[in-house]
Amino acid sequence: MEIEIFVQLLKTNLNRKDIEYMKIEKLTAQALKRVDFDRYLLAAAIGKRAEAIANGATPLVNLDPKTEKFTNIALVEIAEGKIIISNEG
């Protein structure tokens, strides 16, 4: 089903940036579910993890920090459940 949607998107006049934006929106929705829809907690977690990646931490997903934004890598890690976020201490 996802492939069909992607093929339909390619048939429209959307450019690569539009498609990338739609992927980020979907990942953000998945990540928000993992933090009980707390946008501020998610933003803080992404910032902290992106900083760790920028300082040399190894990504937990198969994305290259040399070509991908650190924040996008952090978002994917959270959306996929590779990093557990809690509001405690």
Foldseek 3Di string as FASTA:
>chain_A
DVVVVVVVVVPDPDDPVVVVVVVLVVLQVLLCVLVVNPPVQLVVQLVVQLVVVVVPDDQPDPDDVVPDRSSVSSSNCSSVPVDHGDPDD
